[in-house]
Amino acid sequence: MPGLTDDFRAAAHEWAERTADAQGLPLRVTQADVIRSVTVLLGVKPARSGAPDRSKAGGIEAVVAAPGGADNNVIEDGGDDQSLLSEL
């Protein structure tokens, strides 16, 4: 992270190792569900999602385009429509 000094990083790393060892925890977490839970608790949004679990991949629905049709008056064409340059 920007702004953290090397001394601070080293002290944090040492503290993490010491407290993990004191609690009988592994130094590194490798379980994806645990890492995901921690990121949620910290409010961090993942950069991208991982591949779905093979047992759950079959439940993904295909994306289907919406049928074409009337715009329900969402788009209005009127006499006041001008190009952007002339509106400036």
PDB file of N, CA and C in Angstrom:
ATOM      1  N   MET A   1       0.848  -1.183   0.000  1.00  0.00           N
ATOM      2  CA  MET A   1       0.000   0.000   0.000  1.00  0.00           C
ATOM      3  C   MET A   1       0.885   1.235   0.000  1.00  0.00           C
ATOM      4  N   PRO A   2       0.486   2.223  -0.753  1.00  0.00           N
ATOM      5  CA  PRO A   2       1.261   3.457  -0.769  1.00  0.00           C
ATOM      6  C   PRO A   2       1.223   4.136   0.605  1.00  0.00           C
ATOM      7  N   GLY A   3       2.332   4.758   0.969  1.00  0.00           N
ATOM      8  CA  GLY A   3       2.387   5.498   2.224  1.00  0.00           C
ATOM      9  C   GLY A   3       2.887   4.700   3.408  1.00  0.00           C
ATOM     10  N   LEU A   4       2.978   3.394   3.279  1.00  0.00           N
ATOM     11  CA  LEU A   4       3.479   2.577   4.381  1.00  0.00           C
ATOM     12  C   LEU A   4       4.990   2.458   4.273  1.00  0.00           C
ATOM     13  N   THR A   5       5.666   2.695   5.364  1.00  0.00           N
ATOM     14  CA  THR A   5       7.121   2.605   5.354  1.00  0.00           C
ATOM     15  C   THR A   5       7.549   1.146   5.455  1.00  0.00           C
ATOM     16  N   ASP A   6       8.779   0.885   5.073  1.00  0.00           N
ATOM     17  CA  ASP A   6       9.312  -0.476   5.179  1.00  0.00           C
ATOM     18  C   ASP A   6       9.352  -0.930   6.634  1.00  0.00           C
ATOM     19  N   ASP A   7       9.672  -0.016   7.553  1.00  0.00           N
ATOM     20  CA  ASP A   7       9.711  -0.357   8.977  1.00  0.00           C
ATOM     21  C   ASP A   7       8.324  -0.762   9.475  1.00  0.00           C
ATOM     22  N   PHE A   8       7.310  -0.020   9.051  1.00  0.00           N
ATOM     23  CA  PHE A   8       5.952  -0.335   9.470  1.00  0.00           C
ATOM     24  C   PHE A   8       5.512  -1.685   8.916  1.00  0.00           C
ATOM     25  N   ARG A   9       5.824  -1.932   7.643  1.00  0.00           N
ATOM     26  CA  ARG A   9       5.483  -3.227   7.032  1.00  0.00           C
ATOM     27  C   ARG A   9       6.164  -4.376   7.763  1.00  0.00           C
ATOM     28  N   ALA A  10       7.444  -4.193   8.084  1.00  0.00           N
ATOM     29  CA  ALA A  10       8.191  -5.244   8.789  1.00  0.00           C
ATOM     30  C   ALA A  10       7.597  -5.501  10.171  1.00  0.00           C
ATOM     31  N   ALA A  11       7.248  -4.428  10.884  1.00  0.00           N
ATOM     32  CA  ALA A  11       6.660  -4.581  12.218  1.00  0.00           C
ATOM     33  C   ALA A  11       5.301  -5.273  12.129  1.00  0.00           C
ATOM     34  N   ALA A  12       4.495  -4.915  11.126  1.00  0.00           N
ATOM     35  CA  ALA A  12       3.182  -5.543  10.948  1.00  0.00           C
ATOM     36  C   ALA A  12       3.330  -7.021  10.608  1.00  0.00           C
ATOM     37  N   HIS A  13       4.296  -7.340   9.753  1.00  0.00           N
ATOM     38  CA  HIS A  13       4.546  -8.735   9.373  1.00  0.00           C
ATOM     39  C   HIS A  13       4.981  -9.548  10.587  1.00  0.00           C
ATOM     40  N   GLU A  14       5.881  -8.990  11.371  1.00  0.00           N
ATOM     41  CA  GLU A  14       6.362  -9.670  12.578  1.00  0.00           C
ATOM     42  C   GLU A  14       5.218  -9.894  13.563  1.00  0.00           C
ATOM     43  N   TRP A  15       4.385  -8.870  13.753  1.00  0.00           N
ATOM     44  CA  TRP A  15       3.243  -8.979  14.659  1.00  0.00           C
ATOM     45  C   TRP A  15       2.282 -10.059  14.184  1.00  0.00           C
ATOM     46  N   ALA A  16       1.990 -10.096  12.877  1.00  0.00           N
ATOM     47  CA  ALA A  16       1.074 -11.088  12.323  1.00  0.00           C
ATOM     48  C   ALA A  16       1.604 -12.503  12.530  1.00  0.00           C
ATOM     49  N   GLU A  17       2.897 -12.700  12.283  1.00  0.00           N
ATOM     50  CA  GLU A  17       3.492 -14.021  12.494  1.00  0.00           C
ATOM     51  C   GLU A  17       3.432 -14.424  13.962  1.00  0.00           C
ATOM     52  N   ARG A  18       3.768 -13.485  14.835  1.00  0.00           N
ATOM     53  CA  ARG A  18       3.806 -13.781  16.277  1.00  0.00           C
ATOM     54  C   ARG A  18       2.410 -14.123  16.805  1.00  0.00           C
ATOM     55  N   THR A  19       1.410 -13.352  16.434  1.00  0.00           N
ATOM     56  CA  THR A  19       0.060 -13.602  16.947  1.00  0.00           C
ATOM     57  C   THR A  19      -0.550 -14.861  16.332  1.00  0.00           C
ATOM     58  N   ALA A  20      -0.268 -15.130  15.068  1.00  0.00           N
ATOM     59  CA  ALA A  20      -0.768 -16.361  14.444  1.00  0.00           C
ATOM     60  C   ALA A  20      -0.168 -17.576  15.127  1.00  0.00           C
ATOM     61  N   ASP A  21       1.131 -17.528  15.387  1.00  0.00           N
ATOM     62  CA  ASP A  21       1.806 -18.634  16.055  1.00  0.00           C
ATOM     63  C   ASP A  21       1.256 -18.833  17.468  1.00  0.00           C
ATOM     64  N   ALA A  22       1.027 -17.750  18.185  1.00  0.00           N
ATOM     65  CA  ALA A  22       0.514 -17.838  19.553  1.00  0.00           C
ATOM     66  C   ALA A  22      -0.881 -18.461  19.599  1.00  0.00           C
ATOM     67  N   GLN A  23      -1.642 -18.305  18.520  1.00  0.00           N
ATOM     68  CA  GLN A  23      -2.999 -18.843  18.471  1.00  0.00           C
ATOM     69  C   GLN A  23      -3.070 -20.195  17.764  1.00  0.00           C
ATOM     70  N   GLY A  24      -1.931 -20.688  17.300  1.00  0.00           N
ATOM     71  CA  GLY A  24      -1.910 -21.966  16.600  1.00  0.00           C
ATOM     72  C   GLY A  24      -2.512 -21.890  15.205  1.00  0.00           C
ATOM     73  N   LEU A  25      -2.458 -20.708  14.602  1.00  0.00           N
ATOM     74  CA  LEU A  25      -3.014 -20.517  13.262  1.00  0.00           C
ATOM     75  C   LEU A  25      -1.915 -20.596  12.214  1.00  0.00           C
ATOM     76  N   PRO A  26      -2.268 -20.971  10.984  1.00  0.00           N
ATOM     77  CA  PRO A  26      -1.265 -20.973   9.920  1.00  0.00           C
ATOM     78  C   PRO A  26      -0.854 -19.536   9.589  1.00  0.00           C
ATOM     79  N   LEU A  27       0.361 -19.392   9.054  1.00  0.00           N
ATOM     80  CA  LEU A  27       0.842 -18.051   8.704  1.00  0.00           C
ATOM     81  C   LEU A  27       0.133 -17.485   7.477  1.00  0.00           C
ATOM     82  N   ARG A  28      -0.324 -18.349   6.612  1.00  0.00           N
ATOM     83  CA  ARG A  28      -1.008 -17.895   5.400  1.00  0.00           C
ATOM     84  C   ARG A  28      -2.359 -18.585   5.284  1.00  0.00           C
ATOM     85  N   VAL A  29      -3.346 -17.826   4.808  1.00  0.00           N
ATOM     86  CA  VAL A  29      -4.683 -18.369   4.563  1.00  0.00           C
ATOM     87  C   VAL A  29      -4.790 -18.657   3.076  1.00  0.00           C
ATOM     88  N   THR A  30      -5.170 -19.879   2.744  1.00  0.00           N
ATOM     89  CA  THR A  30      -5.258 -20.263   1.331  1.00  0.00           C
ATOM     90  C   THR A  30      -6.668 -20.641   0.915  1.00  0.00           C
ATOM     91  N   GLN A  31      -7.602 -20.719   1.851  1.00  0.00           N
ATOM     92  CA  GLN A  31      -8.969 -21.103   1.518  1.00  0.00           C
ATOM     93  C   GLN A  31      -9.712 -19.894   0.948  1.00  0.00           C
ATOM     94  N   ALA A  32     -10.202 -20.047  -0.271  1.00  0.00           N
ATOM     95  CA  ALA A  32     -10.844 -18.937  -0.976  1.00  0.00           C
ATOM     96  C   ALA A  32     -12.047 -18.385  -0.221  1.00  0.00           C
ATOM     97  N   ASP A  33     -12.846 -19.264   0.401  1.00  0.00           N
ATOM     98  CA  ASP A  33     -14.031 -18.771   1.111  1.00  0.00           C
ATOM     99  C   ASP A  33     -13.660 -17.937   2.332  1.00  0.00           C
ATOM    100  N   VAL A  34     -12.561 -18.284   3.006  1.00  0.00           N
ATOM    101  CA  VAL A  34     -12.103 -17.496   4.152  1.00  0.00           C
ATOM    102  C   VAL A  34     -11.597 -16.133   3.680  1.00  0.00           C
ATOM    103  N   ILE A  35     -10.826 -16.119   2.614  1.00  0.00           N
ATOM    104  CA  ILE A  35     -10.305 -14.861   2.073  1.00  0.00           C
ATOM    105  C   ILE A  35     -11.458 -13.969   1.624  1.00  0.00           C
ATOM    106  N   ARG A  36     -12.460 -14.558   0.976  1.00  0.00           N
ATOM    107  CA  ARG A  36     -13.632 -13.797   0.534  1.00  0.00           C
ATOM    108  C   ARG A  36     -14.375 -13.194   1.727  1.00  0.00           C
ATOM    109  N   SER A  37     -14.525 -13.962   2.804  1.00  0.00           N
ATOM    110  CA  SER A  37     -15.209 -13.465   4.005  1.00  0.00           C
ATOM    111  C   SER A  37     -14.455 -12.299   4.631  1.00  0.00           C
ATOM    112  N   VAL A  38     -13.136 -12.400   4.669  1.00  0.00           N
ATOM    113  CA  VAL A  38     -12.332 -11.317   5.245  1.00  0.00           C
ATOM    114  C   VAL A  38     -12.452 -10.055   4.396  1.00  0.00           C
ATOM    115  N   THR A  39     -12.444 -10.201   3.085  1.00  0.00           N
ATOM    116  CA  THR A  39     -12.562  -9.019   2.229  1.00  0.00           C
ATOM    117  C   THR A  39     -13.920  -8.344   2.407  1.00  0.00           C
ATOM    118  N   VAL A  40     -14.970  -9.146   2.630  1.00  0.00           N
ATOM    119  CA  VAL A  40     -16.298  -8.571   2.874  1.00  0.00           C
ATOM    120  C   VAL A  40     -16.290  -7.815   4.194  1.00  0.00           C
ATOM    121  N   LEU A  41     -15.696  -8.413   5.227  1.00  0.00           N
ATOM    122  CA  LEU A  41     -15.619  -7.750   6.534  1.00  0.00           C
ATOM    123  C   LEU A  41     -14.848  -6.437   6.463  1.00  0.00           C
ATOM    124  N   LEU A  42     -13.810  -6.404   5.630  1.00  0.00           N
ATOM    125  CA  LEU A  42     -12.991  -5.197   5.500  1.00  0.00           C
ATOM    126  C   LEU A  42     -13.577  -4.195   4.511  1.00  0.00           C
ATOM    127  N   GLY A  43     -14.618  -4.591   3.804  1.00  0.00           N
ATOM    128  CA  GLY A  43     -15.246  -3.689   2.838  1.00  0.00           C
ATOM    129  C   GLY A  43     -14.476  -3.559   1.542  1.00  0.00           C
ATOM    130  N   VAL A  44     -13.666  -4.565   1.221  1.00  0.00           N
ATOM    131  CA  VAL A  44     -12.861  -4.537   0.001  1.00  0.00           C
ATOM    132  C   VAL A  44     -13.624  -5.283  -1.091  1.00  0.00           C
ATOM    133  N   LYS A  45     -13.743  -4.658  -2.247  1.00  0.00           N
ATOM    134  CA  LYS A  45     -14.398  -5.314  -3.371  1.00  0.00           C
ATOM    135  C   LYS A  45     -13.333  -6.006  -4.214  1.00  0.00           C
ATOM    136  N   PRO A  46     -13.553  -7.277  -4.533  1.00  0.00           N
ATOM    137  CA  PRO A  46     -12.562  -7.975  -5.355  1.00  0.00           C
ATOM    138  C   PRO A  46     -12.466  -7.375  -6.749  1.00  0.00           C
ATOM    139  N   ALA A  47     -11.281  -7.426  -7.323  1.00  0.00           N
ATOM    140  CA  ALA A  47     -11.061  -6.871  -8.656  1.00  0.00           C
ATOM    141  C   ALA A  47     -11.872  -7.630  -9.705  1.00  0.00           C
ATOM    142  N   ARG A  48     -11.964  -8.923  -9.550  1.00  0.00           N
ATOM    143  CA  ARG A  48     -12.762  -9.731 -10.469  1.00  0.00           C
ATOM    144  C   ARG A  48     -13.183 -10.987  -9.735  1.00  0.00           C
ATOM    145  N   SER A  49     -14.217 -11.607 -10.203  1.00  0.00           N
ATOM    146  CA  SER A  49     -14.685 -12.828  -9.559  1.00  0.00           C
ATOM    147  C   SER A  49     -13.946 -14.021 -10.154  1.00  0.00           C
ATOM    148  N   GLY A  50     -13.848 -15.051  -9.372  1.00  0.00           N
ATOM    149  CA  GLY A  50     -13.187 -16.268  -9.827  1.00  0.00           C
ATOM    150  C   GLY A  50     -14.141 -17.131 -10.632  1.00  0.00           C
ATOM    151  N   ALA A  51     -13.617 -18.213 -11.127  1.00  0.00           N
ATOM    152  CA  ALA A  51     -14.425 -19.157 -11.884  1.00  0.00           C
ATOM    153  C   ALA A  51     -15.425 -19.825 -10.943  1.00  0.00           C
ATOM    154  N   PRO A  52     -16.613 -20.157 -11.423  1.00  0.00           N
ATOM    155  CA  PRO A  52     -17.594 -20.815 -10.564  1.00  0.00           C
ATOM    156  C   PRO A  52     -17.146 -22.225 -10.200  1.00  0.00           C
ATOM    157  N   ASP A  53     -17.605 -22.672  -9.051  1.00  0.00           N
ATOM    158  CA  ASP A  53     -17.354 -24.044  -8.621  1.00  0.00           C
ATOM    159  C   ASP A  53     -18.021 -24.966  -9.634  1.00  0.00           C
ATOM    160  N   ARG A  54     -17.339 -26.019 -10.041  1.00  0.00           N
ATOM    161  CA  ARG A  54     -17.881 -26.888 -11.085  1.00  0.00           C
ATOM    162  C   ARG A  54     -19.260 -27.445 -10.715  1.00  0.00           C
ATOM    163  N   SER A  55     -19.505 -27.697  -9.432  1.00  0.00           N
ATOM    164  CA  SER A  55     -20.806 -28.245  -9.047  1.00  0.00           C
ATOM    165  C   SER A  55     -21.920 -27.220  -9.198  1.00  0.00           C
ATOM    166  N   LYS A  56     -21.575 -25.928  -9.195  1.00  0.00           N
ATOM    167  CA  LYS A  56     -22.586 -24.879  -9.299  1.00  0.00           C
ATOM    168  C   LYS A  56     -22.665 -24.278 -10.695  1.00  0.00           C
ATOM    169  N   ALA A  57     -21.721 -24.587 -11.554  1.00  0.00           N
ATOM    170  CA  ALA A  57     -21.681 -23.964 -12.875  1.00  0.00           C
ATOM    171  C   ALA A  57     -22.893 -24.322 -13.718  1.00  0.00           C
ATOM    172  N   GLY A  58     -23.491 -25.474 -13.488  1.00  0.00           N
ATOM    173  CA  GLY A  58     -24.655 -25.895 -14.271  1.00  0.00           C
ATOM    174  C   GLY A  58     -25.881 -25.063 -13.993  1.00  0.00           C
ATOM    175  N   GLY A  59     -25.925 -24.355 -12.872  1.00  0.00           N
ATOM    176  CA  GLY A  59     -27.092 -23.564 -12.523  1.00  0.00           C
ATOM    177  C   GLY A  59     -27.078 -22.158 -13.085  1.00  0.00           C
ATOM    178  N   ILE A  60     -26.078 -21.822 -13.874  1.00  0.00           N
ATOM    179  CA  ILE A  60     -25.987 -20.481 -14.442  1.00  0.00           C
ATOM    180  C   ILE A  60     -26.928 -20.381 -15.631  1.00  0.00           C
ATOM    181  N   GLU A  61     -27.738 -19.330 -15.629  1.00  0.00           N
ATOM    182  CA  GLU A  61     -28.692 -19.149 -16.711  1.00  0.00           C
ATOM    183  C   GLU A  61     -28.056 -18.395 -17.869  1.00  0.00           C
ATOM    184  N   ALA A  62     -28.457 -18.749 -19.059  1.00  0.00           N
ATOM    185  CA  ALA A  62     -27.949 -18.071 -20.247  1.00  0.00           C
ATOM    186  C   ALA A  62     -28.547 -16.662 -20.320  1.00  0.00           C
ATOM    187  N   VAL A  63     -27.772 -15.736 -20.826  1.00  0.00           N
ATOM    188  CA  VAL A  63     -28.249 -14.366 -21.002  1.00  0.00           C
ATOM    189  C   VAL A  63     -28.984 -14.295 -22.332  1.00  0.00           C
ATOM    190  N   VAL A  64     -30.189 -13.778 -22.275  1.00  0.00           N
ATOM    191  CA  VAL A  64     -31.009 -13.675 -23.474  1.00  0.00           C
ATOM    192  C   VAL A  64     -31.319 -12.205 -23.706  1.00  0.00           C
ATOM    193  N   ALA A  65     -31.140 -11.768 -24.926  1.00  0.00           N
ATOM    194  CA  ALA A  65     -31.424 -10.372 -25.255  1.00  0.00           C
ATOM    195  C   ALA A  65     -32.917 -10.094 -25.112  1.00  0.00           C
ATOM    196  N   ALA A  66     -33.240  -8.903 -24.657  1.00  0.00           N
ATOM    197  CA  ALA A  66     -34.643  -8.507 -24.516  1.00  0.00           C
ATOM    198  C   ALA A  66     -35.271  -8.405 -25.897  1.00  0.00           C
ATOM    199  N   PRO A  67     -36.519  -8.769 -26.005  1.00  0.00           N
ATOM    200  CA  PRO A  67     -37.164  -8.673 -27.320  1.00  0.00           C
ATOM    201  C   PRO A  67     -37.298  -7.219 -27.751  1.00  0.00           C
ATOM    202  N   GLY A  68     -37.162  -6.984 -29.049  1.00  0.00           N
ATOM    203  CA  GLY A  68     -37.312  -5.634 -29.578  1.00  0.00           C
ATOM    204  C   GLY A  68     -38.777  -5.228 -29.565  1.00  0.00           C
ATOM    205  N   GLY A  69     -39.019  -3.965 -29.549  1.00  0.00           N
ATOM    206  CA  GLY A  69     -40.415  -3.533 -29.544  1.00  0.00           C
ATOM    207  C   GLY A  69     -40.500  -2.038 -29.333  1.00  0.00           C
ATOM    208  N   ALA A  70     -41.656  -1.614 -28.918  1.00  0.00           N
ATOM    209  CA  ALA A  70     -41.901  -0.188 -28.707  1.00  0.00           C
ATOM    210  C   ALA A  70     -41.030   0.329 -27.576  1.00  0.00           C
ATOM    211  N   ASP A  71     -40.672   1.606 -27.660  1.00  0.00           N
ATOM    212  CA  ASP A  71     -39.850   2.206 -26.610  1.00  0.00           C
ATOM    213  C   ASP A  71     -40.685   2.834 -25.508  1.00  0.00           C
ATOM    214  N   ASN A  72     -42.009   2.664 -25.583  1.00  0.00           N
ATOM    215  CA  ASN A  72     -42.921   3.203 -24.574  1.00  0.00           C
ATOM    216  C   ASN A  72     -42.682   4.688 -24.325  1.00  0.00           C
ATOM    217  N   ASN A  73     -42.463   5.430 -25.395  1.00  0.00           N
ATOM    218  CA  ASN A  73     -42.261   6.871 -25.326  1.00  0.00           C
ATOM    219  C   ASN A  73     -41.043   7.283 -24.499  1.00  0.00           C
ATOM    220  N   VAL A  74     -40.089   6.385 -24.359  1.00  0.00           N
ATOM    221  CA  VAL A  74     -38.866   6.730 -23.643  1.00  0.00           C
ATOM    222  C   VAL A  74     -38.035   7.687 -24.490  1.00  0.00           C
ATOM    223  N   ILE A  75     -37.998   7.436 -25.793  1.00  0.00           N
ATOM    224  CA  ILE A  75     -37.251   8.307 -26.698  1.00  0.00           C
ATOM    225  C   ILE A  75     -38.249   9.246 -27.368  1.00  0.00           C
ATOM    226  N   GLU A  76     -38.012  10.509 -27.229  1.00  0.00           N
ATOM    227  CA  GLU A  76     -38.897  11.495 -27.846  1.00  0.00           C
ATOM    228  C   GLU A  76     -38.111  12.274 -28.889  1.00  0.00           C
ATOM    229  N   ASP A  77     -38.620  12.309 -30.078  1.00  0.00           N
ATOM    230  CA  ASP A  77     -38.017  13.118 -31.129  1.00  0.00           C
ATOM    231  C   ASP A  77     -38.844  14.389 -31.243  1.00  0.00           C
ATOM    232  N   GLY A  78     -38.196  15.517 -31.071  1.00  0.00           N
ATOM    233  CA  GLY A  78     -38.936  16.763 -31.125  1.00  0.00           C
ATOM    234  C   GLY A  78     -38.165  17.832 -31.851  1.00  0.00           C
ATOM    235  N   GLY A  79     -38.797  18.982 -32.032  1.00  0.00           N
ATOM    236  CA  GLY A  79     -38.191  20.101 -32.726  1.00  0.00           C
ATOM    237  C   GLY A  79     -37.027  20.710 -31.966  1.00  0.00           C
ATOM    238  N   ASP A  80     -36.933  20.438 -30.663  1.00  0.00           N
ATOM    239  CA  ASP A  80     -35.834  21.014 -29.887  1.00  0.00           C
ATOM    240  C   ASP A  80     -34.582  20.157 -29.921  1.00  0.00           C
ATOM    241  N   ASP A  81     -34.605  19.035 -30.653  1.00  0.00           N
ATOM    242  CA  ASP A  81     -33.420  18.188 -30.771  1.00  0.00           C
ATOM    243  C   ASP A  81     -32.407  18.879 -31.668  1.00  0.00           C
ATOM    244  N   GLN A  82     -31.245  19.147 -31.114  1.00  0.00           N
ATOM    245  CA  GLN A  82     -30.182  19.805 -31.876  1.00  0.00           C
ATOM    246  C   GLN A  82     -28.883  19.051 -31.644  1.00  0.00           C
ATOM    247  N   SER A  83     -27.921  19.337 -32.479  1.00  0.00           N
ATOM    248  CA  SER A  83     -26.628  18.694 -32.266  1.00  0.00           C
ATOM    249  C   SER A  83     -25.964  19.321 -31.043  1.00  0.00           C
ATOM    250  N   LEU A  84     -25.056  18.599 -30.444  1.00  0.00           N
ATOM    251  CA  LEU A  84     -24.383  19.069 -29.239  1.00  0.00           C
ATOM    252  C   LEU A  84     -23.624  20.349 -29.469  1.00  0.00           C
ATOM    253  N   LEU A  85     -22.963  20.480 -30.626  1.00  0.00           N
ATOM    254  CA  LEU A  85     -22.155  21.673 -30.877  1.00  0.00           C
ATOM    255  C   LEU A  85     -23.005  22.938 -30.941  1.00  0.00           C
ATOM    256  N   SER A  86     -24.203  22.841 -31.498  1.00  0.00           N
ATOM    257  CA  SER A  86     -25.028  24.031 -31.610  1.00  0.00           C
ATOM    258  C   SER A  86     -25.692  24.396 -30.282  1.00  0.00           C
ATOM    259  N   GLU A  87     -25.747  23.447 -29.332  1.00  0.00           N
ATOM    260  CA  GLU A  87     -26.351  23.733 -28.030  1.00  0.00           C
ATOM    261  C   GLU A  87     -25.385  24.488 -27.124  1.00  0.00           C
ATOM    262  N   LEU A  88     -24.093  24.466 -27.423  1.00  0.00           N
ATOM    263  CA  LEU A  88     -23.101  25.130 -26.579  1.00  0.00           C
ATOM    264  C   LEU A  88     -23.147  26.563 -26.724  1.00  0.00           C
TER     265      LEU A  88
END
